[in-house]
């Protein structure tokens, strides 16, 4: 028996761009450690500074920031890969240091994570010559869309990334406002 069709908001970062102790705010996956702020209201500059310095010093390669042409190269690969894996893609935004996607699928969360992992691998191969080593961080943020309002807000949020220089694609008619 297959899972019911659901919408998911997916987010993942380029390598080394949002580490524990980040001055923009952070929290670890189990919320054992987290800052007092977030990217909208950053924590005090010295909060977790030593942790960020330590984590940064242990990185095996440089931080990956995608240039505008690289975003344009990676975006279509991500969309194509997601669609080939049976996902309905409403929107994708590729920024200099992260990706957002609004996806629909008759899959559970673990199957969605696996499909997105496959898509990240394909995108890495597309930029292998320009970005040797890891292109993406391991973690994938997956949020289930609760209702139509949640879907619309996530879609608008993703599409607004175009104003910040992101490569953005949306399905014809996906914007329902």
N, C-alpha and C. Protein backbone atom coordinates (compact mmCIF):
# COMPACT_ATOMS: atom_id res chain seq x y z
N UNK A 1 0.85 -1.18 0.00
CA UNK A 1 0.00 0.00 0.00
C UNK A 1 0.89 1.24 0.00
N UNK A 2 0.63 2.18 -0.88
CA UNK A 2 1.47 3.37 -0.99
C UNK A 2 0.99 4.45 -0.03
N UNK A 3 1.88 5.38 0.25
CA UNK A 3 1.57 6.50 1.13
C UNK A 3 0.63 7.47 0.41
N UNK A 4 -0.14 8.26 1.16
CA UNK A 4 -1.01 9.25 0.52
C UNK A 4 -0.19 10.39 -0.07
N UNK A 5 -0.74 11.07 -1.07
CA UNK A 5 -0.08 12.22 -1.68
C UNK A 5 -0.01 13.34 -0.65
N UNK A 6 1.20 13.90 -0.47
CA UNK A 6 1.40 14.99 0.47
C UNK A 6 2.36 16.00 -0.13
N UNK A 7 2.29 17.23 0.36
CA UNK A 7 3.22 18.29 -0.04
C UNK A 7 4.28 18.46 1.03
N UNK A 8 5.52 18.66 0.59
CA UNK A 8 6.66 18.83 1.48
C UNK A 8 7.45 20.07 1.09
N UNK A 9 7.93 20.81 2.09
CA UNK A 9 8.87 21.92 1.87
C UNK A 9 10.24 21.37 2.25
N UNK A 10 11.13 21.34 1.27
CA UNK A 10 12.46 20.79 1.44
C UNK A 10 13.47 21.93 1.48
N UNK A 11 14.48 21.80 2.32
CA UNK A 11 15.56 22.81 2.38
C UNK A 11 16.86 22.09 2.68
N UNK A 12 17.91 22.48 1.95
CA UNK A 12 19.26 21.98 2.26
C UNK A 12 20.28 23.04 1.87
N UNK A 13 21.46 22.96 2.51
CA UNK A 13 22.49 23.99 2.38
C UNK A 13 23.70 23.48 1.61
N UNK A 14 24.46 24.45 1.06
CA UNK A 14 25.74 24.09 0.46
C UNK A 14 26.73 23.79 1.58
N UNK A 15 27.81 23.15 1.22
CA UNK A 15 28.79 22.68 2.21
C UNK A 15 29.38 23.83 3.03
N UNK A 16 29.32 23.69 4.35
CA UNK A 16 29.99 24.59 5.27
C UNK A 16 29.34 25.94 5.49
N UNK A 17 28.10 26.14 5.03
CA UNK A 17 27.52 27.48 5.10
C UNK A 17 26.66 27.76 6.32
N UNK A 18 26.21 26.76 7.04
CA UNK A 18 25.44 27.03 8.25
C UNK A 18 25.87 25.99 9.29
N UNK A 19 26.91 26.34 10.03
CA UNK A 19 27.52 25.40 10.96
C UNK A 19 27.08 25.66 12.39
N UNK A 20 27.25 24.68 13.28
CA UNK A 20 26.98 24.93 14.70
C UNK A 20 27.76 26.14 15.19
N UNK A 21 27.10 27.01 15.92
CA UNK A 21 27.72 28.23 16.43
C UNK A 21 27.62 29.39 15.47
N UNK A 22 26.93 29.20 14.34
CA UNK A 22 26.83 30.26 13.32
C UNK A 22 26.29 31.55 13.93
N UNK A 23 26.89 32.70 13.59
CA UNK A 23 26.46 33.98 14.15
C UNK A 23 25.02 34.36 13.78
N UNK A 24 24.45 33.73 12.74
CA UNK A 24 23.05 34.01 12.37
C UNK A 24 22.06 33.26 13.25
N UNK A 25 22.57 32.42 14.12
CA UNK A 25 21.71 31.58 14.96
C UNK A 25 21.74 30.15 14.44
N UNK A 26 21.49 29.19 15.33
CA UNK A 26 21.50 27.79 14.93
C UNK A 26 20.84 26.96 16.02
N UNK A 27 20.54 25.74 15.68
CA UNK A 27 20.16 24.73 16.67
C UNK A 27 20.56 23.39 16.11
N UNK A 28 20.99 22.50 16.98
CA UNK A 28 21.36 21.19 16.48
C UNK A 28 20.10 20.35 16.30
N UNK A 29 20.23 19.20 15.68
CA UNK A 29 19.06 18.41 15.30
C UNK A 29 18.23 17.93 16.48
N UNK A 30 18.80 17.79 17.64
CA UNK A 30 18.04 17.36 18.81
C UNK A 30 17.76 18.50 19.79
N UNK A 31 18.10 19.72 19.39
CA UNK A 31 17.91 20.92 20.22
C UNK A 31 18.67 20.84 21.54
N UNK A 32 19.74 20.06 21.57
CA UNK A 32 20.56 20.02 22.79
C UNK A 32 21.27 21.35 22.97
N UNK A 33 21.73 21.92 21.85
CA UNK A 33 22.40 23.22 21.88
C UNK A 33 21.69 24.09 20.85
N UNK A 34 21.34 25.28 21.24
CA UNK A 34 20.83 26.22 20.26
C UNK A 34 21.07 27.64 20.74
N UNK A 35 21.09 28.56 19.78
CA UNK A 35 21.37 29.96 20.11
C UNK A 35 20.09 30.65 20.58
N UNK A 36 20.28 31.83 21.13
CA UNK A 36 19.14 32.58 21.64
C UNK A 36 18.43 33.36 20.54
N UNK A 37 18.93 33.30 19.30
CA UNK A 37 18.32 34.03 18.20
C UNK A 37 18.19 33.17 16.97
N UNK A 38 17.82 33.82 15.87
CA UNK A 38 17.74 33.16 14.57
C UNK A 38 18.18 34.16 13.51
N UNK A 39 18.03 33.78 12.24
CA UNK A 39 18.55 34.65 11.18
C UNK A 39 17.83 36.00 11.13
N UNK A 40 16.58 36.07 11.60
CA UNK A 40 15.86 37.35 11.62
C UNK A 40 16.28 38.22 12.80
N UNK A 41 16.49 37.61 13.94
CA UNK A 41 16.93 38.29 15.16
C UNK A 41 18.18 37.59 15.67
N UNK A 42 19.33 37.93 15.08
CA UNK A 42 20.56 37.20 15.43
C UNK A 42 20.90 37.29 16.91
N UNK A 43 21.53 36.24 17.41
CA UNK A 43 21.98 36.25 18.80
C UNK A 43 23.14 37.22 18.97
N UNK A 44 23.56 37.50 20.22
CA UNK A 44 24.74 38.35 20.43
C UNK A 44 25.94 37.79 19.67
N UNK A 45 26.79 38.66 19.11
CA UNK A 45 27.90 38.20 18.26
C UNK A 45 28.84 37.19 18.91
N UNK A 46 29.04 37.25 20.21
CA UNK A 46 29.99 36.34 20.85
C UNK A 46 29.37 35.01 21.28
N UNK A 47 28.05 34.91 21.19
CA UNK A 47 27.39 33.67 21.63
C UNK A 47 27.84 32.49 20.76
N UNK A 48 28.35 31.45 21.35
CA UNK A 48 28.81 30.23 20.69
C UNK A 48 29.92 30.49 19.68
N UNK A 49 30.64 31.60 19.83
CA UNK A 49 31.73 31.95 18.91
C UNK A 49 32.82 30.89 18.91
N UNK A 50 33.17 30.39 20.07
CA UNK A 50 34.22 29.37 20.17
C UNK A 50 33.79 28.08 19.47
N UNK A 51 32.52 27.70 19.62
CA UNK A 51 32.01 26.50 18.95
C UNK A 51 32.12 26.66 17.43
N UNK A 52 31.72 27.81 16.92
CA UNK A 52 31.78 28.05 15.48
C UNK A 52 33.23 28.02 14.97
N UNK A 53 34.13 28.63 15.72
CA UNK A 53 35.54 28.62 15.34
C UNK A 53 36.08 27.18 15.31
N UNK A 54 35.73 26.39 16.32
CA UNK A 54 36.21 25.00 16.40
C UNK A 54 35.66 24.17 15.24
N UNK A 55 34.35 24.28 14.97
CA UNK A 55 33.75 23.51 13.88
C UNK A 55 34.35 23.92 12.54
N UNK A 56 34.52 25.22 12.33
CA UNK A 56 35.11 25.72 11.08
C UNK A 56 36.53 25.20 10.88
N UNK A 57 37.29 25.11 11.96
CA UNK A 57 38.68 24.64 11.85
C UNK A 57 38.76 23.16 11.49
N UNK A 58 37.72 22.40 11.72
CA UNK A 58 37.72 20.97 11.46
C UNK A 58 37.20 20.61 10.06
N UNK A 59 36.80 21.61 9.28
CA UNK A 59 36.27 21.34 7.95
C UNK A 59 37.37 20.87 7.01
N UNK A 60 37.05 19.92 6.17
CA UNK A 60 38.03 19.33 5.27
C UNK A 60 38.18 20.08 3.95
N UNK A 61 37.30 21.01 3.69
CA UNK A 61 37.37 21.77 2.45
C UNK A 61 36.78 23.15 2.67
N UNK A 62 36.89 24.00 1.67
CA UNK A 62 36.38 25.37 1.77
C UNK A 62 34.85 25.39 1.70
N UNK A 63 34.29 26.46 2.23
CA UNK A 63 32.85 26.70 2.16
C UNK A 63 32.44 26.83 0.69
N UNK A 64 31.28 26.28 0.33
CA UNK A 64 30.81 26.34 -1.05
C UNK A 64 29.74 27.43 -1.18
N UNK A 65 30.01 28.40 -2.04
CA UNK A 65 29.06 29.46 -2.38
C UNK A 65 28.82 29.34 -3.88
N UNK A 66 27.56 29.19 -4.28
CA UNK A 66 27.24 29.02 -5.69
C UNK A 66 27.17 30.36 -6.40
N UNK A 67 27.93 30.49 -7.47
CA UNK A 67 27.89 31.69 -8.32
C UNK A 67 26.59 31.67 -9.12
N UNK A 68 26.14 32.82 -9.62
CA UNK A 68 24.88 32.86 -10.38
C UNK A 68 24.80 31.84 -11.52
N UNK A 69 25.88 31.67 -12.28
CA UNK A 69 25.84 30.69 -13.38
C UNK A 69 25.75 29.26 -12.85
N UNK A 70 26.37 28.99 -11.72
CA UNK A 70 26.27 27.65 -11.12
C UNK A 70 24.85 27.37 -10.65
N UNK A 71 24.18 28.39 -10.10
CA UNK A 71 22.78 28.23 -9.68
C UNK A 71 21.91 27.86 -10.88
N UNK A 72 22.18 28.54 -12.02
CA UNK A 72 21.42 28.27 -13.25
C UNK A 72 21.70 26.88 -13.80
N UNK A 73 22.87 26.36 -13.53
CA UNK A 73 23.24 25.02 -13.98
C UNK A 73 22.63 23.95 -13.08
N UNK A 74 22.66 24.18 -11.79
CA UNK A 74 22.18 23.20 -10.82
C UNK A 74 20.65 23.13 -10.77
N UNK A 75 19.98 24.27 -10.89
CA UNK A 75 18.52 24.31 -10.76
C UNK A 75 17.77 23.34 -11.65
N UNK A 76 18.00 23.37 -12.96
CA UNK A 76 17.29 22.43 -13.83
C UNK A 76 17.62 20.97 -13.54
N UNK A 77 18.84 20.70 -13.12
CA UNK A 77 19.22 19.32 -12.77
C UNK A 77 18.40 18.85 -11.57
N UNK A 78 18.26 19.72 -10.56
CA UNK A 78 17.47 19.37 -9.38
C UNK A 78 16.02 19.09 -9.77
N UNK A 79 15.43 19.99 -10.56
CA UNK A 79 14.03 19.83 -10.97
C UNK A 79 13.83 18.53 -11.74
N UNK A 80 14.69 18.29 -12.72
CA UNK A 80 14.59 17.09 -13.55
C UNK A 80 14.73 15.83 -12.70
N UNK A 81 15.70 15.82 -11.81
CA UNK A 81 15.94 14.64 -10.98
C UNK A 81 14.75 14.34 -10.07
N UNK A 82 14.19 15.39 -9.48
CA UNK A 82 13.02 15.20 -8.60
C UNK A 82 11.83 14.65 -9.39
N UNK A 83 11.60 15.20 -10.57
CA UNK A 83 10.48 14.75 -11.40
C UNK A 83 10.68 13.31 -11.86
N UNK A 84 11.90 12.96 -12.22
CA UNK A 84 12.19 11.59 -12.67
C UNK A 84 11.94 10.56 -11.55
N UNK A 85 12.00 11.01 -10.31
CA UNK A 85 11.78 10.12 -9.18
C UNK A 85 10.31 10.11 -8.73
N UNK A 86 9.45 10.68 -9.56
CA UNK A 86 8.02 10.62 -9.30
C UNK A 86 7.47 11.72 -8.40
N UNK A 87 8.22 12.78 -8.24
CA UNK A 87 7.76 13.88 -7.40
C UNK A 87 7.13 14.97 -8.26
N UNK A 88 6.10 15.58 -7.71
CA UNK A 88 5.48 16.73 -8.35
C UNK A 88 6.19 17.96 -7.80
N UNK A 89 6.82 18.74 -8.67
CA UNK A 89 7.62 19.89 -8.25
C UNK A 89 6.81 21.16 -8.50
N UNK A 90 6.44 21.85 -7.43
CA UNK A 90 5.70 23.10 -7.56
C UNK A 90 6.64 24.29 -7.71
N UNK A 91 7.77 24.28 -6.98
CA UNK A 91 8.73 25.39 -7.05
C UNK A 91 10.07 24.96 -6.51
N UNK A 92 11.13 25.58 -7.06
CA UNK A 92 12.49 25.36 -6.58
C UNK A 92 13.22 26.69 -6.62
N UNK A 93 13.99 26.98 -5.57
CA UNK A 93 14.85 28.17 -5.53
C UNK A 93 16.25 27.73 -5.14
N UNK A 94 17.23 28.12 -5.96
CA UNK A 94 18.63 27.80 -5.68
C UNK A 94 19.34 29.12 -5.39
N UNK A 95 19.70 29.34 -4.13
CA UNK A 95 20.40 30.54 -3.71
C UNK A 95 21.90 30.27 -3.66
N UNK A 96 22.66 31.27 -3.26
CA UNK A 96 24.12 31.09 -3.22
C UNK A 96 24.55 30.04 -2.20
N UNK A 97 23.74 29.82 -1.15
CA UNK A 97 24.16 28.88 -0.12
C UNK A 97 23.09 27.89 0.34
N UNK A 98 21.93 27.87 -0.32
CA UNK A 98 20.92 26.89 0.06
C UNK A 98 19.87 26.72 -1.05
N UNK A 99 19.07 25.66 -0.90
CA UNK A 99 18.02 25.34 -1.86
C UNK A 99 16.72 25.13 -1.09
N UNK A 100 15.64 25.63 -1.68
CA UNK A 100 14.29 25.36 -1.18
C UNK A 100 13.51 24.70 -2.31
N UNK A 101 12.63 23.76 -1.97
CA UNK A 101 11.76 23.16 -2.98
C UNK A 101 10.43 22.82 -2.33
N UNK A 102 9.37 22.96 -3.10
CA UNK A 102 8.03 22.56 -2.67
C UNK A 102 7.63 21.38 -3.54
N UNK A 103 7.54 20.21 -2.91
CA UNK A 103 7.37 18.96 -3.62
C UNK A 103 6.14 18.22 -3.16
N UNK A 104 5.47 17.57 -4.10
CA UNK A 104 4.34 16.71 -3.77
C UNK A 104 4.68 15.29 -4.15
N UNK A 105 4.30 14.34 -3.29
CA UNK A 105 4.62 12.95 -3.59
C UNK A 105 3.75 12.02 -2.74
N UNK A 106 3.53 10.85 -3.27
CA UNK A 106 2.85 9.79 -2.53
C UNK A 106 3.94 8.94 -1.87
N UNK A 107 4.70 9.58 -0.99
CA UNK A 107 5.82 8.93 -0.31
C UNK A 107 5.81 9.35 1.15
N UNK A 108 6.43 8.53 1.99
CA UNK A 108 6.62 8.96 3.38
C UNK A 108 7.89 9.81 3.45
N UNK A 109 8.15 10.38 4.61
CA UNK A 109 9.27 11.31 4.77
C UNK A 109 10.61 10.66 4.45
N UNK A 110 10.81 9.41 4.85
CA UNK A 110 12.11 8.77 4.59
C UNK A 110 12.32 8.56 3.09
N UNK A 111 11.27 8.23 2.35
CA UNK A 111 11.40 8.07 0.90
C UNK A 111 11.69 9.42 0.24
N UNK A 112 11.08 10.50 0.75
CA UNK A 112 11.34 11.84 0.22
C UNK A 112 12.80 12.20 0.47
N UNK A 113 13.30 11.94 1.68
CA UNK A 113 14.70 12.23 1.99
C UNK A 113 15.65 11.47 1.05
N UNK A 114 15.34 10.22 0.78
CA UNK A 114 16.18 9.42 -0.12
C UNK A 114 16.15 9.99 -1.53
N UNK A 115 14.97 10.39 -2.02
CA UNK A 115 14.85 10.97 -3.35
C UNK A 115 15.61 12.28 -3.46
N UNK A 116 15.53 13.12 -2.42
CA UNK A 116 16.25 14.39 -2.42
C UNK A 116 17.76 14.13 -2.36
N UNK A 117 18.17 13.13 -1.61
CA UNK A 117 19.58 12.76 -1.57
C UNK A 117 20.10 12.36 -2.95
N UNK A 118 19.30 11.60 -3.69
CA UNK A 118 19.67 11.22 -5.06
C UNK A 118 19.79 12.46 -5.95
N UNK A 119 18.87 13.39 -5.78
CA UNK A 119 18.88 14.61 -6.58
C UNK A 119 20.09 15.47 -6.24
N UNK A 120 20.48 15.54 -4.96
CA UNK A 120 21.68 16.28 -4.56
C UNK A 120 22.92 15.67 -5.21
N UNK A 121 22.96 14.35 -5.29
CA UNK A 121 24.10 13.67 -5.91
C UNK A 121 24.19 14.02 -7.39
N UNK A 122 23.07 14.02 -8.10
CA UNK A 122 23.08 14.38 -9.53
C UNK A 122 23.56 15.82 -9.72
N UNK A 123 23.08 16.71 -8.87
CA UNK A 123 23.49 18.12 -8.97
C UNK A 123 24.98 18.26 -8.70
N UNK A 124 25.50 17.50 -7.77
CA UNK A 124 26.95 17.53 -7.48
C UNK A 124 27.75 17.12 -8.69
N UNK A 125 27.29 16.09 -9.39
CA UNK A 125 27.99 15.63 -10.59
C UNK A 125 27.97 16.69 -11.69
N UNK A 126 26.90 17.47 -11.75
CA UNK A 126 26.81 18.53 -12.77
C UNK A 126 27.86 19.61 -12.56
N UNK A 127 28.26 19.82 -11.31
CA UNK A 127 29.26 20.86 -11.00
C UNK A 127 30.61 20.29 -10.57
N UNK A 128 30.83 19.02 -10.81
CA UNK A 128 32.04 18.35 -10.32
C UNK A 128 33.33 19.07 -10.73
N UNK A 129 33.40 19.55 -11.96
CA UNK A 129 34.63 20.21 -12.43
C UNK A 129 34.86 21.53 -11.70
N UNK A 130 33.80 22.28 -11.45
CA UNK A 130 33.93 23.59 -10.81
C UNK A 130 34.00 23.49 -9.29
N UNK A 131 33.35 22.48 -8.71
CA UNK A 131 33.30 22.34 -7.25
C UNK A 131 33.72 20.91 -6.89
N UNK A 132 35.03 20.66 -6.80
CA UNK A 132 35.46 19.33 -6.38
C UNK A 132 35.16 19.12 -4.89
N UNK A 133 34.92 17.91 -4.51
CA UNK A 133 34.58 17.64 -3.11
C UNK A 133 33.08 17.73 -2.90
N UNK A 134 32.69 17.96 -1.67
CA UNK A 134 31.26 18.01 -1.33
C UNK A 134 30.65 19.33 -1.76
N UNK A 135 29.50 19.26 -2.38
CA UNK A 135 28.75 20.45 -2.77
C UNK A 135 27.72 20.79 -1.70
N UNK A 136 27.13 19.76 -1.08
CA UNK A 136 26.03 19.96 -0.13
C UNK A 136 26.38 19.46 1.26
N UNK A 137 25.73 20.05 2.26
CA UNK A 137 25.79 19.50 3.60
C UNK A 137 24.91 18.25 3.63
N UNK A 138 25.09 17.41 4.63
CA UNK A 138 24.34 16.15 4.69
C UNK A 138 22.87 16.33 5.00
N UNK A 139 22.55 17.23 5.90
CA UNK A 139 21.18 17.35 6.38
C UNK A 139 20.22 17.87 5.32
N UNK A 140 19.00 17.36 5.40
CA UNK A 140 17.91 17.80 4.53
C UNK A 140 16.74 18.14 5.45
N UNK A 141 16.28 19.38 5.39
CA UNK A 141 15.11 19.78 6.17
C UNK A 141 13.85 19.41 5.41
N UNK A 142 12.93 18.71 6.06
CA UNK A 142 11.68 18.29 5.42
C UNK A 142 10.53 18.71 6.33
N UNK A 143 9.65 19.55 5.79
CA UNK A 143 8.46 19.97 6.53
C UNK A 143 7.21 19.59 5.75
N UNK A 144 6.27 18.94 6.39
CA UNK A 144 5.01 18.56 5.78
C UNK A 144 4.08 19.77 5.75
N UNK A 145 3.43 20.02 4.62
CA UNK A 145 2.48 21.13 4.51
C UNK A 145 1.14 20.71 5.13
N UNK A 146 0.72 21.45 6.15
CA UNK A 146 -0.48 21.10 6.91
C UNK A 146 -1.78 21.35 6.16
N UNK A 147 -1.82 22.45 5.38
CA UNK A 147 -3.06 22.82 4.70
C UNK A 147 -2.75 23.75 3.53
N UNK A 148 -3.79 24.22 2.84
CA UNK A 148 -3.60 25.08 1.68
C UNK A 148 -2.90 26.39 2.03
N UNK A 149 -3.22 26.96 3.16
CA UNK A 149 -2.58 28.21 3.59
C UNK A 149 -1.07 28.01 3.80
N UNK A 150 -0.72 26.92 4.45
CA UNK A 150 0.69 26.60 4.68
C UNK A 150 1.40 26.42 3.33
N UNK A 151 0.75 25.73 2.38
CA UNK A 151 1.30 25.53 1.04
C UNK A 151 1.54 26.88 0.36
N UNK A 152 0.55 27.76 0.39
CA UNK A 152 0.67 29.08 -0.26
C UNK A 152 1.79 29.91 0.36
N UNK A 153 1.88 29.89 1.69
CA UNK A 153 2.95 30.65 2.36
C UNK A 153 4.33 30.11 1.98
N UNK A 154 4.48 28.80 1.94
CA UNK A 154 5.77 28.19 1.56
C UNK A 154 6.10 28.52 0.11
N UNK A 155 5.10 28.45 -0.77
CA UNK A 155 5.31 28.77 -2.17
C UNK A 155 5.75 30.22 -2.35
N UNK A 156 5.06 31.13 -1.69
CA UNK A 156 5.42 32.56 -1.78
C UNK A 156 6.82 32.80 -1.25
N UNK A 157 7.16 32.15 -0.14
CA UNK A 157 8.49 32.28 0.45
C UNK A 157 9.57 31.82 -0.54
N UNK A 158 9.35 30.69 -1.17
CA UNK A 158 10.32 30.17 -2.13
C UNK A 158 10.45 31.11 -3.34
N UNK A 159 9.34 31.57 -3.86
CA UNK A 159 9.37 32.45 -5.03
C UNK A 159 10.02 33.80 -4.73
N UNK A 160 9.92 34.28 -3.49
CA UNK A 160 10.55 35.55 -3.11
C UNK A 160 12.08 35.48 -3.17
N UNK A 161 12.63 34.30 -3.20
CA UNK A 161 14.09 34.17 -3.29
C UNK A 161 14.63 34.76 -4.59
N UNK A 162 13.79 34.89 -5.61
CA UNK A 162 14.23 35.51 -6.87
C UNK A 162 14.68 36.95 -6.64
N UNK A 163 14.04 37.64 -5.70
CA UNK A 163 14.40 39.03 -5.38
C UNK A 163 15.80 39.13 -4.79
N UNK A 164 16.30 38.03 -4.26
CA UNK A 164 17.62 38.00 -3.63
C UNK A 164 18.68 37.39 -4.54
N UNK A 165 18.36 37.20 -5.81
CA UNK A 165 19.34 36.68 -6.77
C UNK A 165 19.34 35.18 -6.96
N UNK A 166 18.35 34.48 -6.41
CA UNK A 166 18.29 33.03 -6.56
C UNK A 166 17.79 32.66 -7.95
N UNK A 167 18.17 31.48 -8.40
CA UNK A 167 17.56 30.88 -9.58
C UNK A 167 16.25 30.28 -9.09
N UNK A 168 15.14 30.66 -9.69
CA UNK A 168 13.83 30.19 -9.23
C UNK A 168 13.04 29.63 -10.40
N UNK A 169 12.41 28.50 -10.16
CA UNK A 169 11.51 27.89 -11.13
C UNK A 169 10.22 27.56 -10.41
N UNK A 170 9.09 27.78 -11.08
CA UNK A 170 7.82 27.33 -10.52
C UNK A 170 6.96 26.74 -11.62
N UNK A 171 6.20 25.77 -11.23
CA UNK A 171 5.28 25.11 -12.15
C UNK A 171 4.24 26.14 -12.61
N UNK A 172 3.88 26.07 -13.86
CA UNK A 172 2.84 26.96 -14.38
C UNK A 172 1.57 26.77 -13.55
N UNK A 173 1.08 27.87 -12.98
CA UNK A 173 -0.14 27.80 -12.18
C UNK A 173 0.07 27.41 -10.74
N UNK A 174 1.31 27.15 -10.33
CA UNK A 174 1.55 26.76 -8.94
C UNK A 174 1.28 27.93 -7.99
N UNK A 175 1.51 29.11 -8.47
CA UNK A 175 1.25 30.29 -7.63
C UNK A 175 -0.25 30.54 -7.63
N UNK A 176 -0.86 30.39 -6.50
CA UNK A 176 -2.33 30.45 -6.42
C UNK A 176 -2.81 31.66 -5.63
N UNK A 177 -2.29 32.86 -5.92
CA UNK A 177 -2.77 34.01 -5.16
C UNK A 177 -3.49 35.00 -6.04
